Amino acid sequence: MGAEASAAAESSRDKLNASVTEAQTLAAELHESQKAVAARDELLSEEREIAGELRECLARARGKGEEEARRAAEAEALAASQGGELYNGTR
């Protein structure tokens, strides 16, 4: 019976060691996964920041474009009014 008990104990120890090894492997995989998630979160944060900056640049560009369009319309109106004055002989 001593040999059977010794064999059973050794089998249990082997199973325990295998379980410990598997747990260590899973812990390492979890750690790598957590690092990957943290890196992804950092990239998403940077992406959001860049997107915000891009929206600000687009808004400024849109504002400049609207200002340029307004100036062009004013210049056209002025040119049309001066052209009309020259044509009518009022100038």
C-alpha atoms as a PDB file:
ATOM      1  CA  MET A   1       0.000   0.000   0.000  1.00  0.00           C
ATOM      2  CA  GLY A   2       2.953   2.327   0.567  1.00  0.00           C
ATOM      3  CA  ALA A   3       3.905   2.063  -3.104  1.00  0.00           C
ATOM      4  CA  GLU A   4       0.337   2.869  -4.177  1.00  0.00           C
ATOM      5  CA  ALA A   5       0.192   5.860  -1.847  1.00  0.00           C
ATOM      6  CA  SER A   6       3.569   7.050  -3.085  1.00  0.00           C
ATOM      7  CA  ALA A   7       2.454   6.681  -6.726  1.00  0.00           C
ATOM      8  CA  ALA A   8      -0.806   8.500  -5.988  1.00  0.00           C
ATOM      9  CA  ALA A   9       1.087  11.292  -4.213  1.00  0.00           C
ATOM     10  CA  GLU A  10       3.498  11.603  -7.130  1.00  0.00           C
ATOM     11  CA  SER A  11       0.594  11.680  -9.591  1.00  0.00           C
ATOM     12  CA  SER A  12      -1.125  14.358  -7.531  1.00  0.00           C
ATOM     13  CA  ARG A  13       2.124  16.360  -7.353  1.00  0.00           C
ATOM     14  CA  ASP A  14       2.534  16.092 -11.146  1.00  0.00           C
ATOM     15  CA  LYS A  15      -1.048  17.267 -11.669  1.00  0.00           C
ATOM     16  CA  LEU A  16      -0.485  20.128  -9.239  1.00  0.00           C
ATOM     17  CA  ASN A  17       2.735  21.139 -11.006  1.00  0.00           C
ATOM     18  CA  ALA A  18       0.936  21.025 -14.352  1.00  0.00           C
ATOM     19  CA  SER A  19      -1.846  23.184 -12.917  1.00  0.00           C
ATOM     20  CA  VAL A  20       0.690  25.659 -11.506  1.00  0.00           C
ATOM     21  CA  THR A  21       2.472  25.826 -14.866  1.00  0.00           C
ATOM     22  CA  GLU A  22      -0.838  26.395 -16.645  1.00  0.00           C
ATOM     23  CA  ALA A  23      -1.788  29.094 -14.135  1.00  0.00           C
ATOM     24  CA  GLN A  24       1.571  30.819 -14.658  1.00  0.00           C
ATOM     25  CA  THR A  25       1.107  30.661 -18.424  1.00  0.00           C
ATOM     26  CA  LEU A  26      -2.402  32.100 -18.131  1.00  0.00           C
ATOM     27  CA  ALA A  27      -1.142  34.840 -15.802  1.00  0.00           C
ATOM     28  CA  ALA A  28       1.571  35.768 -18.313  1.00  0.00           C
ATOM     29  CA  GLU A  29      -0.993  35.828 -21.140  1.00  0.00           C
ATOM     30  CA  LEU A  30      -3.292  37.982 -19.021  1.00  0.00           C
ATOM     31  CA  HIS A  31      -0.447  40.388 -18.294  1.00  0.00           C
ATOM     32  CA  GLU A  32       0.388  40.662 -22.012  1.00  0.00           C
ATOM     33  CA  SER A  33      -3.285  41.179 -22.794  1.00  0.00           C
ATOM     34  CA  GLN A  34      -3.527  43.935 -20.186  1.00  0.00           C
ATOM     35  CA  LYS A  35      -0.459  45.627 -21.676  1.00  0.00           C
ATOM     36  CA  ALA A  36      -2.031  45.420 -25.133  1.00  0.00           C
ATOM     37  CA  VAL A  37      -5.282  46.914 -23.832  1.00  0.00           C
ATOM     38  CA  ALA A  38      -3.381  49.744 -22.135  1.00  0.00           C
ATOM     39  CA  ALA A  39      -1.473  50.443 -25.362  1.00  0.00           C
ATOM     40  CA  ARG A  40      -4.729  50.400 -27.338  1.00  0.00           C
ATOM     41  CA  ASP A  41      -6.339  52.789 -24.859  1.00  0.00           C
ATOM     42  CA  GLU A  42      -3.356  55.134 -25.181  1.00  0.00           C
ATOM     43  CA  LEU A  43      -3.620  55.055 -28.977  1.00  0.00           C
ATOM     44  CA  LEU A  44      -7.357  55.733 -28.819  1.00  0.00           C
ATOM     45  CA  SER A  45      -6.740  58.661 -26.498  1.00  0.00           C
ATOM     46  CA  GLU A  46      -4.139  60.085 -28.878  1.00  0.00           C
ATOM     47  CA  GLU A  47      -6.494  59.504 -31.800  1.00  0.00           C
ATOM     48  CA  ARG A  48      -9.276  61.415 -30.017  1.00  0.00           C
ATOM     49  CA  GLU A  49      -6.885  64.277 -29.282  1.00  0.00           C
ATOM     50  CA  ILE A  50      -5.714  64.427 -32.893  1.00  0.00           C
ATOM     51  CA  ALA A  51      -9.311  64.284 -34.132  1.00  0.00           C
ATOM     52  CA  GLY A  52     -10.164  67.233 -31.877  1.00  0.00           C
ATOM     53  CA  GLU A  53      -7.219  69.207 -33.229  1.00  0.00           C
ATOM     54  CA  LEU A  54      -8.278  68.355 -36.767  1.00  0.00           C
ATOM     55  CA  ARG A  55     -11.835  69.546 -36.074  1.00  0.00           C
ATOM     56  CA  GLU A  56     -10.426  72.827 -34.746  1.00  0.00           C
ATOM     57  CA  CYS A  57      -8.248  73.255 -37.853  1.00  0.00           C
ATOM     58  CA  LEU A  58     -11.199  72.522 -40.117  1.00  0.00           C
ATOM     59  CA  ALA A  59     -13.360  75.021 -38.251  1.00  0.00           C
ATOM     60  CA  ARG A  60     -10.661  77.695 -38.605  1.00  0.00           C
ATOM     61  CA  ALA A  61     -10.242  76.877 -42.304  1.00  0.00           C
ATOM     62  CA  ARG A  62     -14.001  76.982 -42.798  1.00  0.00           C
ATOM     63  CA  GLY A  63     -14.112  80.365 -41.073  1.00  0.00           C
ATOM     64  CA  LYS A  64     -11.304  81.672 -43.279  1.00  0.00           C
ATOM     65  CA  GLY A  65     -13.080  80.336 -46.346  1.00  0.00           C
ATOM     66  CA  GLU A  66     -16.306  82.057 -45.341  1.00  0.00           C
ATOM     67  CA  GLU A  67     -14.404  85.309 -44.734  1.00  0.00           C
ATOM     68  CA  GLU A  68     -12.716  85.042 -48.137  1.00  0.00           C
ATOM     69  CA  ALA A  69     -16.065  84.340 -49.808  1.00  0.00           C
ATOM     70  CA  ARG A  70     -17.576  87.386 -48.085  1.00  0.00           C
ATOM     71  CA  ARG A  71     -14.668  89.577 -49.231  1.00  0.00           C
ATOM     72  CA  ALA A  72     -14.958  88.241 -52.781  1.00  0.00           C
ATOM     73  CA  ALA A  73     -18.679  89.018 -52.817  1.00  0.00           C
ATOM     74  CA  GLU A  74     -17.991  92.536 -51.545  1.00  0.00           C
ATOM     75  CA  ALA A  75     -15.300  93.025 -54.203  1.00  0.00           C
ATOM     76  CA  GLU A  76     -17.661  91.782 -56.907  1.00  0.00           C
ATOM     77  CA  ALA A  77     -20.389  94.105 -55.685  1.00  0.00           C
ATOM     78  CA  LEU A  78     -17.957  97.028 -55.625  1.00  0.00           C
ATOM     79  CA  ALA A  79     -16.659  96.172 -59.095  1.00  0.00           C
ATOM     80  CA  ALA A  80     -20.209  95.865 -60.401  1.00  0.00           C
ATOM     81  CA  SER A  81     -21.198  99.207 -58.906  1.00  0.00           C
ATOM     82  CA  GLN A  82     -18.093 100.922 -60.279  1.00  0.00           C
ATOM     83  CA  GLY A  83     -18.570  99.264 -63.637  1.00  0.00           C
ATOM     84  CA  GLY A  84     -22.148 100.512 -63.724  1.00  0.00           C
ATOM     85  CA  GLU A  85     -21.051 104.031 -62.845  1.00  0.00           C
ATOM     86  CA  LEU A  86     -18.472 104.023 -65.615  1.00  0.00           C
ATOM     87  CA  TYR A  87     -20.985 102.686 -68.112  1.00  0.00           C
ATOM     88  CA  ASN A  88     -23.603 105.261 -67.142  1.00  0.00           C
ATOM     89  CA  GLY A  89     -21.038 108.014 -67.444  1.00  0.00           C
ATOM     90  CA  THR A  90     -21.468 109.024 -63.825  1.00  0.00           C
ATOM     91  CA  ARG A  91     -17.805 108.656 -63.146  1.00  0.00           C
END
